[in-house]
PDB file of N, CA and C in Angstrom:
ATOM      1  N   UNK A   1      -3.050   3.255  -1.240  1.00  0.00           N
ATOM      2  CA  UNK A   1      -4.314   3.978  -1.181  1.00  0.00           C
ATOM      3  C   UNK A   1      -5.447   2.983  -1.043  1.00  0.00           C
ATOM      4  N   UNK A   2      -6.289   3.201  -0.080  1.00  0.00           N
ATOM      5  CA  UNK A   2      -7.468   2.363   0.099  1.00  0.00           C
ATOM      6  C   UNK A   2      -8.667   3.100  -0.486  1.00  0.00           C
ATOM      7  N   UNK A   3      -9.389   2.415  -1.351  1.00  0.00           N
ATOM      8  CA  UNK A   3     -10.529   3.033  -2.013  1.00  0.00           C
ATOM      9  C   UNK A   3     -11.779   2.785  -1.184  1.00  0.00           C
ATOM     10  N   UNK A   4     -12.531   3.828  -0.954  1.00  0.00           N
ATOM     11  CA  UNK A   4     -13.737   3.717  -0.149  1.00  0.00           C
ATOM     12  C   UNK A   4     -14.961   3.773  -1.054  1.00  0.00           C
ATOM     13  N   UNK A   5     -15.319   2.622  -1.604  1.00  0.00           N
ATOM     14  CA  UNK A   5     -16.502   2.521  -2.456  1.00  0.00           C
ATOM     15  C   UNK A   5     -17.463   1.504  -1.846  1.00  0.00           C
ATOM     16  N   UNK A   6     -18.766   1.756  -1.925  1.00  0.00           N
ATOM     17  CA  UNK A   6     -19.708   0.762  -1.427  1.00  0.00           C
ATOM     18  C   UNK A   6     -19.655  -0.498  -2.300  1.00  0.00           C
ATOM     19  N   UNK A   7     -20.029  -1.640  -1.720  1.00  0.00           N
ATOM     20  CA  UNK A   7     -20.028  -2.873  -2.507  1.00  0.00           C
ATOM     21  C   UNK A   7     -21.190  -2.848  -3.492  1.00  0.00           C
ATOM     22  N   UNK A   8     -20.835  -2.858  -4.773  1.00  0.00           N
ATOM     23  CA  UNK A   8     -21.832  -2.867  -5.842  1.00  0.00           C
ATOM     24  C   UNK A   8     -21.301  -3.733  -6.971  1.00  0.00           C
ATOM     25  N   UNK A   9     -22.192  -4.108  -7.883  1.00  0.00           N
ATOM     26  CA  UNK A   9     -21.761  -4.874  -9.051  1.00  0.00           C
ATOM     27  C   UNK A   9     -21.060  -3.984 -10.062  1.00  0.00           C
ATOM     28  N   UNK A  10     -21.518  -2.743 -10.184  1.00  0.00           N
ATOM     29  CA  UNK A  10     -20.949  -1.811 -11.162  1.00  0.00           C
ATOM     30  C   UNK A  10     -20.837  -0.411 -10.570  1.00  0.00           C
ATOM     31  N   UNK A  11     -19.810   0.309 -11.043  1.00  0.00           N
ATOM     32  CA  UNK A  11     -19.593   1.691 -10.618  1.00  0.00           C
ATOM     33  C   UNK A  11     -19.516   2.584 -11.853  1.00  0.00           C
ATOM     34  N   UNK A  12     -19.994   3.796 -11.722  1.00  0.00           N
ATOM     35  CA  UNK A  12     -19.900   4.747 -12.830  1.00  0.00           C
ATOM     36  C   UNK A  12     -18.487   5.320 -12.872  1.00  0.00           C
ATOM     37  N   UNK A  13     -18.139   5.923 -13.994  1.00  0.00           N
ATOM     38  CA  UNK A  13     -16.817   6.530 -14.131  1.00  0.00           C
ATOM     39  C   UNK A  13     -16.657   7.666 -13.119  1.00  0.00           C
ATOM     40  N   UNK A  14     -17.735   8.370 -12.834  1.00  0.00           N
ATOM     41  CA  UNK A  14     -17.686   9.452 -11.850  1.00  0.00           C
ATOM     42  C   UNK A  14     -17.379   8.944 -10.452  1.00  0.00           C
ATOM     43  N   UNK A  15     -18.007   7.826 -10.073  1.00  0.00           N
ATOM     44  CA  UNK A  15     -17.751   7.247  -8.751  1.00  0.00           C
ATOM     45  C   UNK A  15     -16.293   6.807  -8.615  1.00  0.00           C
ATOM     46  N   UNK A  16     -15.777   6.169  -9.657  1.00  0.00           N
ATOM     47  CA  UNK A  16     -14.401   5.670  -9.622  1.00  0.00           C
ATOM     48  C   UNK A  16     -13.421   6.848  -9.612  1.00  0.00           C
ATOM     49  N   UNK A  17     -13.676   7.838 -10.452  1.00  0.00           N
ATOM     50  CA  UNK A  17     -12.797   9.007 -10.507  1.00  0.00           C
ATOM     51  C   UNK A  17     -12.764   9.718  -9.154  1.00  0.00           C
ATOM     52  N   UNK A  18     -13.914   9.871  -8.537  1.00  0.00           N
ATOM     53  CA  UNK A  18     -13.984  10.537  -7.234  1.00  0.00           C
ATOM     54  C   UNK A  18     -13.246   9.729  -6.163  1.00  0.00           C
ATOM     55  N   UNK A  19     -13.374   8.400  -6.207  1.00  0.00           N
ATOM     56  CA  UNK A  19     -12.721   7.543  -5.216  1.00  0.00           C
ATOM     57  C   UNK A  19     -11.199   7.682  -5.274  1.00  0.00           C
ATOM     58  N   UNK A  20     -10.664   7.883  -6.489  1.00  0.00           N
ATOM     59  CA  UNK A  20      -9.219   8.012  -6.654  1.00  0.00           C
ATOM     60  C   UNK A  20      -8.760   9.468  -6.734  1.00  0.00           C
ATOM     61  N   UNK A  21      -9.711  10.387  -6.663  1.00  0.00           N
ATOM     62  CA  UNK A  21      -9.423  11.817  -6.764  1.00  0.00           C
ATOM     63  C   UNK A  21      -8.665  12.133  -8.059  1.00  0.00           C
ATOM     64  N   UNK A  22      -9.194  11.597  -9.163  1.00  0.00           N
ATOM     65  CA  UNK A  22      -8.645  11.870 -10.493  1.00  0.00           C
ATOM     66  C   UNK A  22      -9.795  12.299 -11.400  1.00  0.00           C
ATOM     67  N   UNK A  23      -9.444  12.814 -12.561  1.00  0.00           N
ATOM     68  CA  UNK A  23     -10.467  13.209 -13.522  1.00  0.00           C
ATOM     69  C   UNK A  23     -10.895  11.990 -14.342  1.00  0.00           C
ATOM     70  N   UNK A  24     -12.151  11.937 -14.758  1.00  0.00           N
ATOM     71  CA  UNK A  24     -12.606  10.824 -15.593  1.00  0.00           C
ATOM     72  C   UNK A  24     -11.767  10.650 -16.859  1.00  0.00           C
ATOM     73  N   UNK A  25     -11.223  11.743 -17.380  1.00  0.00           N
ATOM     74  CA  UNK A  25     -10.402  11.640 -18.589  1.00  0.00           C
ATOM     75  C   UNK A  25      -9.162  10.772 -18.362  1.00  0.00           C
ATOM     76  N   UNK A  26      -8.621  10.786 -17.143  1.00  0.00           N
ATOM     77  CA  UNK A  26      -7.472   9.934 -16.837  1.00  0.00           C
ATOM     78  C   UNK A  26      -7.879   8.463 -16.892  1.00  0.00           C
ATOM     79  N   UNK A  27      -9.060   8.147 -16.378  1.00  0.00           N
ATOM     80  CA  UNK A  27      -9.535   6.756 -16.429  1.00  0.00           C
ATOM     81  C   UNK A  27      -9.751   6.312 -17.872  1.00  0.00           C
ATOM     82  N   UNK A  28     -10.302   7.196 -18.700  1.00  0.00           N
ATOM     83  CA  UNK A  28     -10.496   6.851 -20.112  1.00  0.00           C
ATOM     84  C   UNK A  28      -9.145   6.643 -20.802  1.00  0.00           C
ATOM     85  N   UNK A  29      -8.154   7.462 -20.452  1.00  0.00           N
ATOM     86  CA  UNK A  29      -6.811   7.313 -21.005  1.00  0.00           C
ATOM     87  C   UNK A  29      -6.211   5.976 -20.580  1.00  0.00           C
ATOM     88  N   UNK A  30      -6.336   5.642 -19.301  1.00  0.00           N
ATOM     89  CA  UNK A  30      -5.792   4.373 -18.815  1.00  0.00           C
ATOM     90  C   UNK A  30      -6.465   3.179 -19.487  1.00  0.00           C
ATOM     91  N   UNK A  31      -7.755   3.317 -19.811  1.00  0.00           N
ATOM     92  CA  UNK A  31      -8.447   2.237 -20.542  1.00  0.00           C
ATOM     93  C   UNK A  31      -7.745   1.949 -21.868  1.00  0.00           C
ATOM     94  N   UNK A  32      -7.318   2.998 -22.539  1.00  0.00           N
ATOM     95  CA  UNK A  32      -6.633   2.835 -23.826  1.00  0.00           C
ATOM     96  C   UNK A  32      -5.245   2.243 -23.642  1.00  0.00           C
ATOM     97  N   UNK A  33      -4.583   2.613 -22.552  1.00  0.00           N
ATOM     98  CA  UNK A  33      -3.211   2.177 -22.305  1.00  0.00           C
ATOM     99  C   UNK A  33      -3.112   0.772 -21.702  1.00  0.00           C
ATOM    100  N   UNK A  34      -4.077   0.408 -20.883  1.00  0.00           N
ATOM    101  CA  UNK A  34      -4.031  -0.870 -20.164  1.00  0.00           C
ATOM    102  C   UNK A  34      -5.198  -1.757 -20.595  1.00  0.00           C
ATOM    103  N   UNK A  35      -4.880  -2.862 -21.259  1.00  0.00           N
ATOM    104  CA  UNK A  35      -5.923  -3.776 -21.734  1.00  0.00           C
ATOM    105  C   UNK A  35      -6.667  -4.424 -20.568  1.00  0.00           C
ATOM    106  N   UNK A  36      -6.080  -4.388 -19.372  1.00  0.00           N
ATOM    107  CA  UNK A  36      -6.697  -5.009 -18.203  1.00  0.00           C
ATOM    108  C   UNK A  36      -7.932  -4.256 -17.718  1.00  0.00           C
ATOM    109  N   UNK A  37      -8.057  -3.001 -18.109  1.00  0.00           N
ATOM    110  CA  UNK A  37      -9.238  -2.209 -17.712  1.00  0.00           C
ATOM    111  C   UNK A  37     -10.202  -2.188 -18.885  1.00  0.00           C
ATOM    112  N   UNK A  38     -11.234  -2.955 -18.804  1.00  0.00           N
ATOM    113  CA  UNK A  38     -12.239  -2.982 -19.863  1.00  0.00           C
ATOM    114  C   UNK A  38     -13.624  -2.891 -19.233  1.00  0.00           C
ATOM    115  N   UNK A  39     -14.058  -1.677 -18.894  1.00  0.00           N
ATOM    116  CA  UNK A  39     -15.390  -1.560 -18.291  1.00  0.00           C
ATOM    117  C   UNK A  39     -16.469  -1.938 -19.304  1.00  0.00           C
ATOM    118  N   UNK A  40     -17.561  -2.419 -18.773  1.00  0.00           N
ATOM    119  CA  UNK A  40     -18.696  -2.707 -19.648  1.00  0.00           C
ATOM    120  C   UNK A  40     -19.277  -1.367 -20.086  1.00  0.00           C
ATOM    121  N   UNK A  41     -19.805  -1.343 -21.305  1.00  0.00           N
ATOM    122  CA  UNK A  41     -20.402  -0.100 -21.792  1.00  0.00           C
ATOM    123  C   UNK A  41     -21.846  -0.367 -22.185  1.00  0.00           C
ATOM    124  N   UNK A  42     -22.720   0.511 -21.723  1.00  0.00           N
ATOM    125  CA  UNK A  42     -24.120   0.432 -22.105  1.00  0.00           C
ATOM    126  C   UNK A  42     -24.249   0.914 -23.550  1.00  0.00           C
ATOM    127  N   UNK A  43     -25.413   0.709 -24.135  1.00  0.00           N
ATOM    128  CA  UNK A  43     -25.634   1.169 -25.508  1.00  0.00           C
ATOM    129  C   UNK A  43     -25.420   2.666 -25.630  1.00  0.00           C
ATOM    130  N   UNK A  44     -25.708   3.379 -24.562  1.00  0.00           N
ATOM    131  CA  UNK A  44     -25.536   4.835 -24.576  1.00  0.00           C
ATOM    132  C   UNK A  44     -24.061   5.238 -24.473  1.00  0.00           C
ATOM    133  N   UNK A  45     -23.175   4.256 -24.227  1.00  0.00           N
ATOM    134  CA  UNK A  45     -21.755   4.543 -24.106  1.00  0.00           C
ATOM    135  C   UNK A  45     -21.298   4.752 -22.675  1.00  0.00           C
ATOM    136  N   UNK A  46     -22.241   4.709 -21.733  1.00  0.00           N
ATOM    137  CA  UNK A  46     -21.915   4.879 -20.322  1.00  0.00           C
ATOM    138  C   UNK A  46     -21.070   3.708 -19.834  1.00  0.00           C
ATOM    139  N   UNK A  47     -19.952   4.027 -19.190  1.00  0.00           N
ATOM    140  CA  UNK A  47     -19.061   2.993 -18.670  1.00  0.00           C
ATOM    141  C   UNK A  47     -19.558   2.485 -17.327  1.00  0.00           C
ATOM    142  N   UNK A  48     -19.434   1.169 -17.140  1.00  0.00           N
ATOM    143  CA  UNK A  48     -19.763   0.540 -15.865  1.00  0.00           C
ATOM    144  C   UNK A  48     -18.575  -0.305 -15.444  1.00  0.00           C
ATOM    145  N   UNK A  49     -17.892   0.138 -14.394  1.00  0.00           N
ATOM    146  CA  UNK A  49     -16.702  -0.543 -13.905  1.00  0.00           C
ATOM    147  C   UNK A  49     -17.081  -1.625 -12.902  1.00  0.00           C
ATOM    148  N   UNK A  50     -16.466  -2.795 -13.044  1.00  0.00           N
ATOM    149  CA  UNK A  50     -16.685  -3.895 -12.100  1.00  0.00           C
ATOM    150  C   UNK A  50     -15.727  -3.714 -10.919  1.00  0.00           C
ATOM    151  N   UNK A  51     -15.987  -4.413  -9.810  1.00  0.00           N
ATOM    152  CA  UNK A  51     -15.029  -4.353  -8.690  1.00  0.00           C
ATOM    153  C   UNK A  51     -13.620  -4.790  -9.120  1.00  0.00           C
ATOM    154  N   UNK A  52     -13.522  -5.746 -10.050  1.00  0.00           N
ATOM    155  CA  UNK A  52     -12.219  -6.179 -10.554  1.00  0.00           C
ATOM    156  C   UNK A  52     -11.524  -5.045 -11.301  1.00  0.00           C
ATOM    157  N   UNK A  53     -12.306  -4.282 -12.101  1.00  0.00           N
ATOM    158  CA  UNK A  53     -11.742  -3.112 -12.781  1.00  0.00           C
ATOM    159  C   UNK A  53     -11.190  -2.123 -11.759  1.00  0.00           C
ATOM    160  N   UNK A  54     -11.936  -1.908 -10.682  1.00  0.00           N
ATOM    161  CA  UNK A  54     -11.527  -0.950  -9.655  1.00  0.00           C
ATOM    162  C   UNK A  54     -10.232  -1.411  -8.989  1.00  0.00           C
ATOM    163  N   UNK A  55     -10.108  -2.716  -8.723  1.00  0.00           N
ATOM    164  CA  UNK A  55      -8.869  -3.235  -8.135  1.00  0.00           C
ATOM    165  C   UNK A  55      -7.681  -3.016  -9.070  1.00  0.00           C
ATOM    166  N   UNK A  56      -7.908  -3.232 -10.362  1.00  0.00           N
ATOM    167  CA  UNK A  56      -6.842  -3.011 -11.343  1.00  0.00           C
ATOM    168  C   UNK A  56      -6.460  -1.543 -11.383  1.00  0.00           C
ATOM    169  N   UNK A  57      -7.456  -0.670 -11.382  1.00  0.00           N
ATOM    170  CA  UNK A  57      -7.195   0.771 -11.381  1.00  0.00           C
ATOM    171  C   UNK A  57      -6.443   1.160 -10.109  1.00  0.00           C
ATOM    172  N   UNK A  58      -6.826   0.561  -8.987  1.00  0.00           N
ATOM    173  CA  UNK A  58      -6.140   0.852  -7.730  1.00  0.00           C
ATOM    174  C   UNK A  58      -4.665   0.463  -7.823  1.00  0.00           C
ATOM    175  N   UNK A  59      -4.371  -0.672  -8.438  1.00  0.00           N
ATOM    176  CA  UNK A  59      -2.991  -1.124  -8.588  1.00  0.00           C
ATOM    177  C   UNK A  59      -2.216  -0.190  -9.523  1.00  0.00           C
ATOM    178  N   UNK A  60      -2.851   0.181 -10.639  1.00  0.00           N
ATOM    179  CA  UNK A  60      -2.212   1.108 -11.586  1.00  0.00           C
ATOM    180  C   UNK A  60      -1.971   2.456 -10.910  1.00  0.00           C
ATOM    181  N   UNK A  61      -2.954   2.933 -10.176  1.00  0.00           N
ATOM    182  CA  UNK A  61      -2.817   4.204  -9.455  1.00  0.00           C
ATOM    183  C   UNK A  61      -1.626   4.132  -8.501  1.00  0.00           C
ATOM    184  N   UNK A  62      -1.525   3.034  -7.767  1.00  0.00           N
ATOM    185  CA  UNK A  62      -0.424   2.845  -6.823  1.00  0.00           C
ATOM    186  C   UNK A  62       0.924   2.897  -7.547  1.00  0.00           C
ATOM    187  N   UNK A  63       1.019   2.172  -8.662  1.00  0.00           N
ATOM    188  CA  UNK A  63       2.280   2.112  -9.395  1.00  0.00           C
ATOM    189  C   UNK A  63       2.660   3.462 -10.004  1.00  0.00           C
ATOM    190  N   UNK A  64       1.690   4.118 -10.638  1.00  0.00           N
ATOM    191  CA  UNK A  64       1.979   5.347 -11.387  1.00  0.00           C
ATOM    192  C   UNK A  64       1.999   6.584 -10.487  1.00  0.00           C
ATOM    193  N   UNK A  65       0.985   6.746  -9.672  1.00  0.00           N
ATOM    194  CA  UNK A  65       0.858   7.980  -8.886  1.00  0.00           C
ATOM    195  C   UNK A  65       1.641   7.939  -7.579  1.00  0.00           C
ATOM    196  N   UNK A  66       1.649   6.795  -6.900  1.00  0.00           N
ATOM    197  CA  UNK A  66       2.306   6.732  -5.602  1.00  0.00           C
ATOM    198  C   UNK A  66       3.779   6.322  -5.703  1.00  0.00           C
ATOM    199  N   UNK A  67       4.074   5.360  -6.585  1.00  0.00           N
ATOM    200  CA  UNK A  67       5.461   4.912  -6.723  1.00  0.00           C
ATOM    201  C   UNK A  67       6.211   5.671  -7.819  1.00  0.00           C
ATOM    202  N   UNK A  68       5.481   6.417  -8.651  1.00  0.00           N
ATOM    203  CA  UNK A  68       6.111   7.227  -9.683  1.00  0.00           C
ATOM    204  C   UNK A  68       6.616   6.444 -10.890  1.00  0.00           C
ATOM    205  N   UNK A  69       6.042   5.287 -11.139  1.00  0.00           N
ATOM    206  CA  UNK A  69       6.467   4.480 -12.286  1.00  0.00           C
ATOM    207  C   UNK A  69       5.939   5.082 -13.584  1.00  0.00           C
ATOM    208  N   UNK A  70       6.617   4.765 -14.673  1.00  0.00           N
ATOM    209  CA  UNK A  70       6.123   5.145 -15.992  1.00  0.00           C
ATOM    210  C   UNK A  70       4.992   4.190 -16.371  1.00  0.00           C
ATOM    211  N   UNK A  71       4.259   4.544 -17.414  1.00  0.00           N
ATOM    212  CA  UNK A  71       3.199   3.644 -17.870  1.00  0.00           C
ATOM    213  C   UNK A  71       3.788   2.320 -18.343  1.00  0.00           C
ATOM    214  N   UNK A  72       4.939   2.372 -19.003  1.00  0.00           N
ATOM    215  CA  UNK A  72       5.605   1.136 -19.452  1.00  0.00           C
ATOM    216  C   UNK A  72       5.973   0.255 -18.265  1.00  0.00           C
ATOM    217  N   UNK A  73       6.508   0.869 -17.228  1.00  0.00           N
ATOM    218  CA  UNK A  73       6.870   0.121 -16.025  1.00  0.00           C
ATOM    219  C   UNK A  73       5.652  -0.500 -15.374  1.00  0.00           C
ATOM    220  N   UNK A  74       4.558   0.256 -15.324  1.00  0.00           N
ATOM    221  CA  UNK A  74       3.319  -0.257 -14.733  1.00  0.00           C
ATOM    222  C   UNK A  74       2.773  -1.420 -15.560  1.00  0.00           C
ATOM    223  N   UNK A  75       2.883  -1.320 -16.889  1.00  0.00           N
ATOM    224  CA  UNK A  75       2.419  -2.419 -17.754  1.00  0.00           C
ATOM    225  C   UNK A  75       3.217  -3.684 -17.482  1.00  0.00           C
ATOM    226  N   UNK A  76       4.526  -3.542 -17.304  1.00  0.00           N
ATOM    227  CA  UNK A  76       5.373  -4.705 -17.005  1.00  0.00           C
ATOM    228  C   UNK A  76       4.968  -5.329 -15.675  1.00  0.00           C
ATOM    229  N   UNK A  77       4.724  -4.488 -14.673  1.00  0.00           N
ATOM    230  CA  UNK A  77       4.305  -4.996 -13.365  1.00  0.00           C
ATOM    231  C   UNK A  77       2.973  -5.735 -13.459  1.00  0.00           C
ATOM    232  N   UNK A  78       2.047  -5.176 -14.235  1.00  0.00           N
ATOM    233  CA  UNK A  78       0.746  -5.836 -14.403  1.00  0.00           C
ATOM    234  C   UNK A  78       0.914  -7.191 -15.083  1.00  0.00           C
ATOM    235  N   UNK A  79       1.796  -7.267 -16.066  1.00  0.00           N
ATOM    236  CA  UNK A  79       2.040  -8.540 -16.746  1.00  0.00           C
ATOM    237  C   UNK A  79       2.627  -9.562 -15.790  1.00  0.00           C
ATOM    238  N   UNK A  80       3.553  -9.125 -14.935  1.00  0.00           N
ATOM    239  CA  UNK A  80       4.134 -10.033 -13.946  1.00  0.00           C
ATOM    240  C   UNK A  80       3.076 -10.504 -12.959  1.00  0.00           C
ATOM    241  N   UNK A  81       2.220  -9.582 -12.542  1.00  0.00           N
ATOM    242  CA  UNK A  81       1.168  -9.910 -11.578  1.00  0.00           C
ATOM    243  C   UNK A  81       0.137 -10.852 -12.204  1.00  0.00           C
ATOM    244  N   UNK A  82      -0.124 -10.694 -13.491  1.00  0.00           N
ATOM    245  CA  UNK A  82      -1.154 -11.484 -14.171  1.00  0.00           C
ATOM    246  C   UNK A  82      -0.800 -12.967 -14.229  1.00  0.00           C
ATOM    247  N   UNK A  83       0.487 -13.280 -14.139  1.00  0.00           N
ATOM    248  CA  UNK A  83       0.892 -14.678 -14.240  1.00  0.00           C
ATOM    249  C   UNK A  83       0.356 -15.534 -13.104  1.00  0.00           C
ATOM    250  N   UNK A  84       0.185 -14.955 -11.925  1.00  0.00           N
ATOM    251  CA  UNK A  84      -0.325 -15.746 -10.812  1.00  0.00           C
ATOM    252  C   UNK A  84      -1.675 -15.245 -10.308  1.00  0.00           C
ATOM    253  N   UNK A  85      -2.338 -14.431 -11.089  1.00  0.00           N
ATOM    254  CA  UNK A  85      -3.602 -13.846 -10.669  1.00  0.00           C
ATOM    255  C   UNK A  85      -4.726 -14.856 -10.440  1.00  0.00           C
ATOM    256  N   UNK A  86      -4.966 -15.845 -11.328  1.00  0.00           N
ATOM    257  CA  UNK A  86      -6.102 -16.738 -11.097  1.00  0.00           C
ATOM    258  C   UNK A  86      -6.080 -17.406  -9.721  1.00  0.00           C
ATOM    259  N   UNK A  87      -4.919 -17.821  -9.272  1.00  0.00           N
ATOM    260  CA  UNK A  87      -4.837 -18.446  -7.956  1.00  0.00           C
ATOM    261  C   UNK A  87      -5.133 -17.435  -6.850  1.00  0.00           C
ATOM    262  N   UNK A  88      -4.604 -16.222  -6.994  1.00  0.00           N
ATOM    263  CA  UNK A  88      -4.830 -15.196  -5.978  1.00  0.00           C
ATOM    264  C   UNK A  88      -6.304 -14.800  -5.915  1.00  0.00           C
ATOM    265  N   UNK A  89      -6.933 -14.686  -7.078  1.00  0.00           N
ATOM    266  CA  UNK A  89      -8.351 -14.318  -7.116  1.00  0.00           C
ATOM    267  C   UNK A  89      -9.181 -15.395  -6.440  1.00  0.00           C
ATOM    268  N   UNK A  90      -8.905 -16.650  -6.769  1.00  0.00           N
ATOM    269  CA  UNK A  90      -9.645 -17.766  -6.169  1.00  0.00           C
ATOM    270  C   UNK A  90      -9.425 -17.784  -4.665  1.00  0.00           C
ATOM    271  N   UNK A  91      -8.188 -17.640  -4.230  1.00  0.00           N
ATOM    272  CA  UNK A  91      -7.885 -17.643  -2.809  1.00  0.00           C
ATOM    273  C   UNK A  91      -8.599 -16.503  -2.098  1.00  0.00           C
ATOM    274  N   UNK A  92      -8.596 -15.331  -2.706  1.00  0.00           N
ATOM    275  CA  UNK A  92      -9.281 -14.182  -2.122  1.00  0.00           C
ATOM    276  C   UNK A  92     -10.781 -14.443  -1.976  1.00  0.00           C
ATOM    277  N   UNK A  93     -11.386 -15.023  -3.005  1.00  0.00           N
ATOM    278  CA  UNK A  93     -12.822 -15.329  -2.950  1.00  0.00           C
ATOM    279  C   UNK A  93     -13.121 -16.369  -1.883  1.00  0.00           C
ATOM    280  N   UNK A  94     -12.271 -17.379  -1.794  1.00  0.00           N
ATOM    281  CA  UNK A  94     -12.469 -18.418  -0.781  1.00  0.00           C
ATOM    282  C   UNK A  94     -12.320 -17.851   0.630  1.00  0.00           C
ATOM    283  N   UNK A  95     -11.368 -16.945   0.815  1.00  0.00           N
ATOM    284  CA  UNK A  95     -11.186 -16.317   2.125  1.00  0.00           C
ATOM    285  C   UNK A  95     -12.401 -15.480   2.504  1.00  0.00           C
ATOM    286  N   UNK A  96     -12.989 -14.793   1.532  1.00  0.00           N
ATOM    287  CA  UNK A  96     -14.186 -13.993   1.803  1.00  0.00           C
ATOM    288  C   UNK A  96     -15.348 -14.913   2.183  1.00  0.00           C
ATOM    289  N   UNK A  97     -15.499 -16.017   1.472  1.00  0.00           N
ATOM    290  CA  UNK A  97     -16.562 -16.978   1.783  1.00  0.00           C
ATOM    291  C   UNK A  97     -16.362 -17.524   3.194  1.00  0.00           C
ATOM    292  N   UNK A  98     -15.116 -17.857   3.545  1.00  0.00           N
ATOM    293  CA  UNK A  98     -14.807 -18.367   4.875  1.00  0.00           C
ATOM    294  C   UNK A  98     -15.205 -17.356   5.943  1.00  0.00           C
ATOM    295  N   UNK A  99     -14.837 -16.102   5.731  1.00  0.00           N
ATOM    296  CA  UNK A  99     -15.170 -15.041   6.685  1.00  0.00           C
ATOM    297  C   UNK A  99     -16.683 -14.889   6.815  1.00  0.00           C
ATOM    298  N   UNK A 100     -17.385 -14.902   5.681  1.00  0.00           N
ATOM    299  CA  UNK A 100     -18.847 -14.777   5.700  1.00  0.00           C
ATOM    300  C   UNK A 100     -19.481 -15.933   6.458  1.00  0.00           C
ATOM    301  N   UNK A 101     -18.978 -17.142   6.232  1.00  0.00           N
ATOM    302  CA  UNK A 101     -19.522 -18.318   6.917  1.00  0.00           C
ATOM    303  C   UNK A 101     -19.257 -18.256   8.425  1.00  0.00           C
ATOM    304  N   UNK A 102     -18.067 -17.785   8.804  1.00  0.00           N
ATOM    305  CA  UNK A 102     -17.747 -17.648  10.228  1.00  0.00           C
ATOM    306  C   UNK A 102     -18.662 -16.637  10.897  1.00  0.00           C
ATOM    307  N   UNK A 103     -18.936 -15.528  10.211  1.00  0.00           N
ATOM    308  CA  UNK A 103     -19.838 -14.515  10.760  1.00  0.00           C
ATOM    309  C   UNK A 103     -21.262 -15.060  10.884  1.00  0.00           C
ATOM    310  N   UNK A 104     -21.663 -15.826   9.896  1.00  0.00           N
ATOM    311  CA  UNK A 104     -22.991 -16.438   9.914  1.00  0.00           C
ATOM    312  C   UNK A 104     -23.115 -17.411  11.085  1.00  0.00           C
ATOM    313  N   UNK A 105     -22.062 -18.207  11.303  1.00  0.00           N
ATOM    314  CA  UNK A 105     -22.082 -19.195  12.385  1.00  0.00           C
ATOM    315  C   UNK A 105     -22.179 -18.503  13.729  1.00  0.00           C
ATOM    316  N   UNK A 106     -21.517 -17.350  13.896  1.00  0.00           N
ATOM    317  CA  UNK A 106     -21.570 -16.617  15.158  1.00  0.00           C
ATOM    318  C   UNK A 106     -22.971 -16.100  15.461  1.00  0.00           C
ATOM    319  N   UNK A 107     -23.707 -15.781  14.393  1.00  0.00           N
ATOM    320  CA  UNK A 107     -25.063 -15.264  14.572  1.00  0.00           C
ATOM    321  C   UNK A 107     -26.033 -16.337  15.006  1.00  0.00           C
ATOM    322  N   UNK A 108     -25.733 -17.595  14.666  1.00  0.00           N
ATOM    323  CA  UNK A 108     -26.652 -18.695  14.987  1.00  0.00           C
ATOM    324  C   UNK A 108     -26.535 -19.162  16.398  1.00  0.00           C
TER     325      UNK A 108
END
């Protein structure tokens, strides 16, 4: 599933729920089940999801809803994925910077 969200620093629970076509209560439940989803909360209690949170939710959604895994199975997969995540995140960021620089060079 590809999520169609505009690039922003933070997303509301409603925006994320709509992007995945799920109820906000499911996202709140997943927050309790998966330590990897920790949205920032304003003093009013409003959740603000980061793009990293959305990627994690997308992965959990894929495992649970599309592949039919149990929550335990999805947790195991997340733990396996977490072992090499820092390198993948850095590589992804560097690739985005490279693409941005190439686009900038074409404009000049």
